[in-house]
N, C-alpha and C. Protein backbone atom coordinates (compact mmCIF):
# COMPACT_ATOMS: atom_id res chain seq x y z
N UNK A 1 -0.01 -13.65 22.51
CA UNK A 1 0.61 -14.16 21.28
C UNK A 1 -0.45 -14.42 20.23
N UNK A 2 -0.19 -13.96 19.02
CA UNK A 2 -1.12 -14.14 17.94
C UNK A 2 -0.92 -15.54 17.30
N UNK A 3 -1.97 -16.31 17.28
CA UNK A 3 -1.80 -17.66 16.72
C UNK A 3 -2.52 -17.82 15.41
N UNK A 4 -3.56 -17.07 15.17
CA UNK A 4 -4.38 -17.21 13.99
C UNK A 4 -3.84 -16.39 12.82
N UNK A 5 -3.84 -16.96 11.67
CA UNK A 5 -3.42 -16.21 10.50
C UNK A 5 -4.39 -15.08 10.21
N UNK A 6 -5.64 -15.29 10.48
CA UNK A 6 -6.64 -14.23 10.29
C UNK A 6 -6.39 -13.02 11.22
N UNK A 7 -6.01 -13.37 12.47
CA UNK A 7 -5.67 -12.26 13.42
C UNK A 7 -4.47 -11.43 12.90
N UNK A 8 -3.47 -12.11 12.38
CA UNK A 8 -2.29 -11.43 11.81
C UNK A 8 -2.75 -10.50 10.65
N UNK A 9 -3.61 -11.02 9.78
CA UNK A 9 -4.06 -10.25 8.61
C UNK A 9 -4.83 -9.05 9.08
N UNK A 10 -5.70 -9.20 10.07
CA UNK A 10 -6.48 -8.07 10.58
C UNK A 10 -5.60 -7.01 11.17
N UNK A 11 -4.63 -7.48 11.94
CA UNK A 11 -3.70 -6.51 12.60
C UNK A 11 -2.90 -5.74 11.51
N UNK A 12 -2.34 -6.49 10.57
CA UNK A 12 -1.55 -5.82 9.52
C UNK A 12 -2.41 -4.92 8.66
N UNK A 13 -3.66 -5.35 8.36
CA UNK A 13 -4.57 -4.50 7.60
C UNK A 13 -4.82 -3.16 8.34
N UNK A 14 -5.09 -3.30 9.63
CA UNK A 14 -5.38 -2.09 10.44
C UNK A 14 -4.15 -1.21 10.52
N UNK A 15 -3.00 -1.75 10.75
CA UNK A 15 -1.80 -0.90 10.85
C UNK A 15 -1.47 -0.25 9.51
N UNK A 16 -1.65 -0.97 8.42
CA UNK A 16 -1.42 -0.42 7.09
C UNK A 16 -2.41 0.64 6.76
N UNK A 17 -3.72 0.40 7.10
CA UNK A 17 -4.75 1.40 6.90
C UNK A 17 -4.54 2.65 7.65
N UNK A 18 -4.21 2.51 8.92
CA UNK A 18 -3.90 3.69 9.77
C UNK A 18 -2.70 4.47 9.30
N UNK A 19 -1.70 3.76 8.83
CA UNK A 19 -0.51 4.44 8.31
C UNK A 19 -0.83 5.28 7.12
N UNK A 20 -1.60 4.67 6.14
CA UNK A 20 -1.96 5.41 4.98
C UNK A 20 -2.84 6.66 5.32
N UNK A 21 -3.82 6.44 6.18
CA UNK A 21 -4.73 7.44 6.64
C UNK A 21 -3.90 8.63 7.21
N UNK A 22 -2.96 8.30 8.02
CA UNK A 22 -2.11 9.38 8.72
C UNK A 22 -1.22 10.04 7.63
N UNK A 23 -0.63 9.25 6.74
CA UNK A 23 0.23 9.81 5.67
C UNK A 23 -0.58 10.79 4.86
N UNK A 24 -1.82 10.47 4.50
CA UNK A 24 -2.64 11.36 3.71
C UNK A 24 -2.97 12.62 4.48
N UNK A 25 -3.22 12.54 5.79
CA UNK A 25 -3.44 13.75 6.57
C UNK A 25 -2.27 14.63 6.58
N UNK A 26 -1.04 14.03 6.69
CA UNK A 26 0.22 14.79 6.70
C UNK A 26 0.41 15.49 5.39
N UNK A 27 0.16 14.74 4.27
CA UNK A 27 0.42 15.29 2.91
C UNK A 27 -0.68 16.20 2.48
N UNK A 28 -1.94 15.83 2.63
CA UNK A 28 -3.07 16.64 2.04
C UNK A 28 -3.82 17.42 3.10
N UNK A 29 -3.60 17.13 4.38
CA UNK A 29 -4.29 17.84 5.44
C UNK A 29 -5.62 17.20 5.82
N UNK A 30 -6.08 16.19 5.11
CA UNK A 30 -7.32 15.44 5.40
C UNK A 30 -7.28 14.12 4.76
N UNK A 31 -8.24 13.27 5.12
CA UNK A 31 -8.41 11.95 4.49
C UNK A 31 -9.85 11.58 4.57
N UNK A 32 -10.13 10.38 4.17
CA UNK A 32 -11.49 9.81 4.13
C UNK A 32 -11.39 8.40 4.63
N UNK A 33 -12.44 7.92 5.28
CA UNK A 33 -12.39 6.54 5.82
C UNK A 33 -12.11 5.50 4.77
N UNK A 34 -12.49 5.73 3.53
CA UNK A 34 -12.19 4.77 2.50
C UNK A 34 -10.74 4.62 2.21
N UNK A 35 -9.94 5.65 2.60
CA UNK A 35 -8.48 5.51 2.37
C UNK A 35 -7.84 4.60 3.45
N UNK A 36 -8.53 4.48 4.56
CA UNK A 36 -8.09 3.46 5.55
C UNK A 36 -8.22 2.08 4.94
N UNK A 37 -9.38 1.85 4.29
CA UNK A 37 -9.63 0.56 3.67
C UNK A 37 -8.68 0.26 2.48
N UNK A 38 -8.44 1.30 1.67
CA UNK A 38 -7.56 1.21 0.55
C UNK A 38 -6.12 0.96 1.00
N UNK A 39 -5.69 1.72 2.01
CA UNK A 39 -4.34 1.59 2.56
C UNK A 39 -4.13 0.23 3.16
N UNK A 40 -5.16 -0.31 3.90
CA UNK A 40 -5.02 -1.63 4.50
C UNK A 40 -4.91 -2.72 3.46
N UNK A 41 -5.68 -2.57 2.41
CA UNK A 41 -5.60 -3.53 1.32
C UNK A 41 -4.24 -3.53 0.60
N UNK A 42 -3.77 -2.32 0.36
CA UNK A 42 -2.45 -2.16 -0.30
C UNK A 42 -1.37 -2.76 0.61
N UNK A 43 -1.39 -2.46 1.89
CA UNK A 43 -0.37 -2.99 2.80
C UNK A 43 -0.39 -4.51 2.84
N UNK A 44 -1.57 -5.10 2.93
CA UNK A 44 -1.68 -6.53 2.94
C UNK A 44 -1.19 -7.11 1.63
N UNK A 45 -1.59 -6.55 0.50
CA UNK A 45 -1.19 -7.06 -0.82
C UNK A 45 0.33 -6.99 -1.00
N UNK A 46 0.91 -5.89 -0.68
CA UNK A 46 2.38 -5.77 -0.79
C UNK A 46 3.10 -6.65 0.21
N UNK A 47 2.51 -6.89 1.35
CA UNK A 47 3.07 -7.83 2.35
C UNK A 47 3.07 -9.26 1.83
N UNK A 48 1.96 -9.63 1.18
CA UNK A 48 1.84 -10.95 0.59
C UNK A 48 2.89 -11.13 -0.52
N UNK A 49 3.02 -10.13 -1.35
CA UNK A 49 4.11 -10.17 -2.38
C UNK A 49 5.46 -10.31 -1.74
N UNK A 50 5.73 -9.55 -0.67
CA UNK A 50 6.96 -9.62 0.03
C UNK A 50 7.21 -11.00 0.60
N UNK A 51 6.18 -11.63 1.16
CA UNK A 51 6.35 -12.99 1.72
C UNK A 51 6.72 -14.00 0.61
N UNK A 52 6.03 -13.92 -0.50
CA UNK A 52 6.22 -14.85 -1.60
C UNK A 52 7.49 -14.61 -2.36
N UNK A 53 7.91 -13.35 -2.50
CA UNK A 53 9.02 -12.95 -3.36
C UNK A 53 10.36 -12.93 -2.67
N UNK A 54 10.32 -12.93 -1.34
CA UNK A 54 11.59 -12.73 -0.58
C UNK A 54 12.63 -13.75 -1.00
N UNK A 55 13.78 -13.26 -1.36
CA UNK A 55 14.91 -14.17 -1.75
C UNK A 55 14.83 -14.60 -3.21
N UNK A 56 13.66 -14.38 -3.81
CA UNK A 56 13.48 -14.79 -5.24
C UNK A 56 13.69 -13.64 -6.20
N UNK A 57 13.28 -12.45 -5.76
CA UNK A 57 13.48 -11.24 -6.60
C UNK A 57 14.11 -10.15 -5.72
N UNK A 58 14.70 -9.18 -6.33
CA UNK A 58 15.37 -8.13 -5.58
C UNK A 58 14.37 -7.19 -4.91
N UNK A 59 14.92 -6.47 -3.94
CA UNK A 59 14.13 -5.47 -3.24
C UNK A 59 13.57 -4.44 -4.17
N UNK A 60 14.36 -3.97 -5.10
CA UNK A 60 13.91 -2.97 -6.10
C UNK A 60 12.79 -3.59 -6.98
N UNK A 61 12.92 -4.84 -7.37
CA UNK A 61 11.84 -5.44 -8.17
C UNK A 61 10.57 -5.57 -7.35
N UNK A 62 10.73 -5.88 -6.06
CA UNK A 62 9.52 -5.89 -5.18
C UNK A 62 8.90 -4.49 -5.12
N UNK A 63 9.71 -3.46 -5.08
CA UNK A 63 9.19 -2.10 -5.05
C UNK A 63 8.41 -1.80 -6.32
N UNK A 64 8.91 -2.20 -7.46
CA UNK A 64 8.26 -1.97 -8.78
C UNK A 64 6.93 -2.70 -8.78
N UNK A 65 6.88 -3.96 -8.38
CA UNK A 65 5.66 -4.73 -8.35
C UNK A 65 4.65 -4.16 -7.35
N UNK A 66 5.16 -3.75 -6.19
CA UNK A 66 4.29 -3.14 -5.17
C UNK A 66 3.69 -1.86 -5.70
N UNK A 67 4.46 -1.07 -6.37
CA UNK A 67 3.89 0.23 -6.86
C UNK A 67 2.81 -0.03 -7.94
N UNK A 68 2.95 -1.12 -8.67
CA UNK A 68 1.93 -1.52 -9.63
C UNK A 68 0.67 -1.97 -8.92
N UNK A 69 0.84 -2.74 -7.82
CA UNK A 69 -0.25 -3.18 -7.00
C UNK A 69 -1.01 -2.00 -6.40
N UNK A 70 -0.26 -1.05 -5.82
CA UNK A 70 -0.85 0.08 -5.18
C UNK A 70 -1.61 0.94 -6.18
N UNK A 71 -0.99 1.16 -7.35
CA UNK A 71 -1.69 1.94 -8.39
C UNK A 71 -2.97 1.24 -8.87
N UNK A 72 -2.90 -0.09 -8.96
CA UNK A 72 -4.11 -0.84 -9.35
C UNK A 72 -5.20 -0.69 -8.33
N UNK A 73 -4.86 -0.80 -7.03
CA UNK A 73 -5.83 -0.67 -5.98
C UNK A 73 -6.38 0.75 -5.94
N UNK A 74 -5.52 1.70 -6.18
CA UNK A 74 -5.97 3.14 -6.21
C UNK A 74 -6.93 3.33 -7.36
N UNK A 75 -6.68 2.72 -8.53
CA UNK A 75 -7.55 2.84 -9.70
C UNK A 75 -8.94 2.25 -9.37
N UNK A 76 -8.94 1.04 -8.85
CA UNK A 76 -10.20 0.40 -8.54
C UNK A 76 -10.99 1.16 -7.46
N UNK A 77 -10.29 1.60 -6.43
CA UNK A 77 -10.91 2.38 -5.38
C UNK A 77 -11.47 3.69 -5.98
N UNK A 78 -10.67 4.36 -6.81
CA UNK A 78 -11.15 5.61 -7.42
C UNK A 78 -12.35 5.39 -8.29
N UNK A 79 -12.40 4.33 -9.10
CA UNK A 79 -13.57 4.06 -9.93
C UNK A 79 -14.81 3.91 -9.04
N UNK A 80 -14.63 3.20 -7.95
CA UNK A 80 -15.78 2.94 -7.07
C UNK A 80 -16.22 4.22 -6.31
N UNK A 81 -15.31 4.85 -5.63
CA UNK A 81 -15.69 5.98 -4.68
C UNK A 81 -15.85 7.31 -5.47
N UNK A 82 -15.09 7.51 -6.52
CA UNK A 82 -15.15 8.80 -7.22
C UNK A 82 -16.08 8.79 -8.41
N UNK A 83 -16.00 7.74 -9.21
CA UNK A 83 -16.80 7.72 -10.47
C UNK A 83 -18.20 7.11 -10.20
N UNK A 84 -18.31 5.99 -9.58
CA UNK A 84 -19.60 5.35 -9.39
C UNK A 84 -20.38 6.05 -8.28
N UNK A 85 -19.76 6.18 -7.05
CA UNK A 85 -20.47 6.73 -5.93
C UNK A 85 -20.47 8.31 -5.95
N UNK A 86 -19.59 8.91 -6.74
CA UNK A 86 -19.49 10.34 -6.93
C UNK A 86 -19.19 11.06 -5.59
N UNK A 87 -18.27 10.47 -4.78
CA UNK A 87 -17.86 11.08 -3.50
C UNK A 87 -16.77 12.09 -3.73
N UNK A 88 -16.11 12.09 -4.85
CA UNK A 88 -15.07 13.06 -5.20
C UNK A 88 -14.02 13.21 -4.14
N UNK A 89 -13.43 12.08 -3.73
CA UNK A 89 -12.39 12.08 -2.72
C UNK A 89 -11.08 12.59 -3.27
N UNK A 90 -10.78 12.32 -4.55
CA UNK A 90 -9.62 12.87 -5.25
C UNK A 90 -9.93 12.93 -6.72
N UNK A 91 -9.15 13.76 -7.41
CA UNK A 91 -9.26 13.91 -8.85
C UNK A 91 -7.95 14.33 -9.41
N UNK A 92 -7.33 13.47 -10.20
CA UNK A 92 -6.01 13.74 -10.78
C UNK A 92 -6.16 14.22 -12.23
N UNK A 93 -7.32 14.68 -12.62
CA UNK A 93 -7.56 15.10 -14.00
C UNK A 93 -6.58 16.15 -14.47
N UNK A 94 -6.17 17.00 -13.54
CA UNK A 94 -5.28 18.10 -13.90
C UNK A 94 -3.83 17.70 -13.90
N UNK A 95 -3.51 16.45 -13.55
CA UNK A 95 -2.13 15.95 -13.48
C UNK A 95 -1.74 15.38 -14.85
N UNK A 96 -0.51 15.53 -15.25
CA UNK A 96 -0.07 14.94 -16.52
C UNK A 96 -0.08 13.38 -16.39
N UNK A 97 -0.33 12.73 -17.50
CA UNK A 97 -0.31 11.28 -17.58
C UNK A 97 -1.24 10.66 -16.60
N UNK A 98 -2.49 11.19 -16.52
CA UNK A 98 -3.46 10.57 -15.61
C UNK A 98 -4.32 9.65 -16.44
N UNK A 99 -5.01 8.74 -15.74
CA UNK A 99 -5.94 7.84 -16.38
C UNK A 99 -7.27 7.97 -15.61
N UNK A 100 -8.28 8.51 -16.40
CA UNK A 100 -9.62 8.69 -15.86
C UNK A 100 -9.64 9.60 -14.60
N UNK A 101 -8.55 10.36 -14.37
CA UNK A 101 -8.49 11.22 -13.18
C UNK A 101 -8.29 10.44 -11.89
N UNK A 102 -8.08 9.12 -11.98
CA UNK A 102 -8.04 8.32 -10.78
C UNK A 102 -6.56 7.89 -10.40
N UNK A 103 -5.75 7.76 -11.41
CA UNK A 103 -4.30 7.47 -11.15
C UNK A 103 -3.49 8.40 -12.09
N UNK A 104 -2.23 8.57 -11.72
CA UNK A 104 -1.35 9.35 -12.54
C UNK A 104 0.09 8.87 -12.33
N UNK A 105 0.93 9.23 -13.31
CA UNK A 105 2.31 8.74 -13.27
C UNK A 105 3.06 9.24 -12.02
N UNK A 106 2.81 10.54 -11.66
CA UNK A 106 3.57 11.07 -10.54
C UNK A 106 3.27 10.25 -9.24
N UNK A 107 2.04 9.87 -9.01
CA UNK A 107 1.73 9.12 -7.79
C UNK A 107 2.19 7.66 -7.92
N UNK A 108 2.24 7.16 -9.10
CA UNK A 108 2.85 5.81 -9.27
C UNK A 108 4.31 5.77 -8.89
N UNK A 109 4.99 6.82 -9.24
CA UNK A 109 6.41 6.99 -8.89
C UNK A 109 6.51 7.12 -7.36
N UNK A 110 5.62 7.93 -6.82
CA UNK A 110 5.57 8.11 -5.30
C UNK A 110 5.38 6.77 -4.66
N UNK A 111 4.42 5.97 -5.21
CA UNK A 111 4.13 4.63 -4.59
C UNK A 111 5.36 3.74 -4.68
N UNK A 112 6.21 3.91 -5.72
CA UNK A 112 7.39 3.11 -5.82
C UNK A 112 8.31 3.33 -4.59
N UNK A 113 8.46 4.65 -4.19
CA UNK A 113 9.35 4.91 -3.05
C UNK A 113 8.68 4.54 -1.76
N UNK A 114 7.38 4.79 -1.64
CA UNK A 114 6.63 4.38 -0.41
C UNK A 114 6.63 2.88 -0.23
N UNK A 115 6.61 2.13 -1.38
CA UNK A 115 6.58 0.68 -1.25
C UNK A 115 7.80 0.11 -0.59
N UNK A 116 8.94 0.74 -0.72
CA UNK A 116 10.13 0.34 0.00
C UNK A 116 9.92 0.42 1.51
N UNK A 117 9.30 1.46 1.97
CA UNK A 117 8.96 1.58 3.40
C UNK A 117 7.93 0.53 3.80
N UNK A 118 6.94 0.25 2.95
CA UNK A 118 5.95 -0.79 3.19
C UNK A 118 6.60 -2.18 3.39
N UNK A 119 7.49 -2.49 2.51
CA UNK A 119 8.20 -3.80 2.59
C UNK A 119 8.99 -3.91 3.87
N UNK A 120 9.75 -2.91 4.24
CA UNK A 120 10.49 -2.94 5.49
C UNK A 120 9.54 -2.94 6.68
N UNK A 121 8.49 -2.17 6.61
CA UNK A 121 7.54 -2.09 7.73
C UNK A 121 6.84 -3.45 7.91
N UNK A 122 6.46 -4.08 6.79
CA UNK A 122 5.84 -5.39 6.87
C UNK A 122 6.77 -6.42 7.57
N UNK A 123 7.98 -6.46 7.14
CA UNK A 123 8.94 -7.37 7.78
C UNK A 123 9.18 -7.06 9.26
N UNK A 124 9.32 -5.77 9.57
CA UNK A 124 9.56 -5.38 10.93
C UNK A 124 8.38 -5.69 11.84
N UNK A 125 7.17 -5.38 11.37
CA UNK A 125 5.98 -5.71 12.15
C UNK A 125 5.79 -7.22 12.38
N UNK A 126 6.08 -8.01 11.34
CA UNK A 126 5.98 -9.44 11.45
C UNK A 126 7.01 -9.95 12.47
N UNK A 127 8.18 -9.37 12.45
CA UNK A 127 9.25 -9.76 13.39
C UNK A 127 8.89 -9.46 14.80
N UNK A 128 8.50 -8.17 15.01
CA UNK A 128 8.22 -7.68 16.38
C UNK A 128 6.93 -8.28 16.95
N UNK A 129 5.86 -8.21 16.15
CA UNK A 129 4.55 -8.63 16.65
C UNK A 129 4.34 -10.17 16.67
N UNK A 130 4.89 -10.80 15.64
CA UNK A 130 4.53 -12.24 15.47
C UNK A 130 5.78 -13.11 15.56
N UNK A 131 6.95 -12.53 15.90
CA UNK A 131 8.20 -13.25 16.12
C UNK A 131 8.59 -14.03 14.88
N UNK A 132 8.35 -13.51 13.77
CA UNK A 132 8.80 -14.14 12.50
C UNK A 132 10.25 -13.74 12.18
N UNK A 133 10.92 -14.50 11.42
CA UNK A 133 12.34 -14.26 11.13
C UNK A 133 12.46 -12.93 10.36
N UNK A 134 13.43 -12.15 10.75
CA UNK A 134 13.74 -10.86 10.02
C UNK A 134 14.49 -11.20 8.78
N UNK A 135 14.05 -10.71 7.66
CA UNK A 135 14.60 -11.01 6.37
C UNK A 135 15.82 -10.18 6.05
N UNK A 136 16.64 -10.66 5.14
CA UNK A 136 17.75 -9.92 4.58
C UNK A 136 17.40 -9.68 3.13
N UNK A 137 17.86 -8.56 2.59
CA UNK A 137 17.42 -8.16 1.26
C UNK A 137 18.54 -8.15 0.21
N UNK A 138 18.18 -8.56 -0.96
CA UNK A 138 19.03 -8.50 -2.12
C UNK A 138 18.55 -7.27 -2.86
N UNK A 139 19.36 -6.17 -2.86
CA UNK A 139 18.92 -4.89 -3.39
C UNK A 139 18.65 -4.97 -4.88
N UNK A 140 19.59 -5.48 -5.64
CA UNK A 140 19.38 -5.56 -7.08
C UNK A 140 19.23 -7.00 -7.46
């Protein structure tokens, strides 16, 4: 049984990081270890929002806020790994409505839909692994 809040955070970070790493391999055919870190941070951040916002805002509003969080983390990660370190892990320069080649509108929309899965996955993992109460959602 997990008793420490830090242990929960580490487990959720690792599961979120692995999920994103695997998703990227499925979609792009490859990934980079920094995407594990980025995915873990996104998963934890969206999970924290989910914990604080549950019952206060709708599921769709959580998805909007989560997609903003993910896009922000992607921008910061991209600035560090692509622009500063010059590792060239991704480049959205050829995508419409991109910013600095690090984020673009299409992927922000994609993150909106993925965030719904993240919210449900966060609640499910907390319920199964840590015996926390399973939440009910207000869609709108």
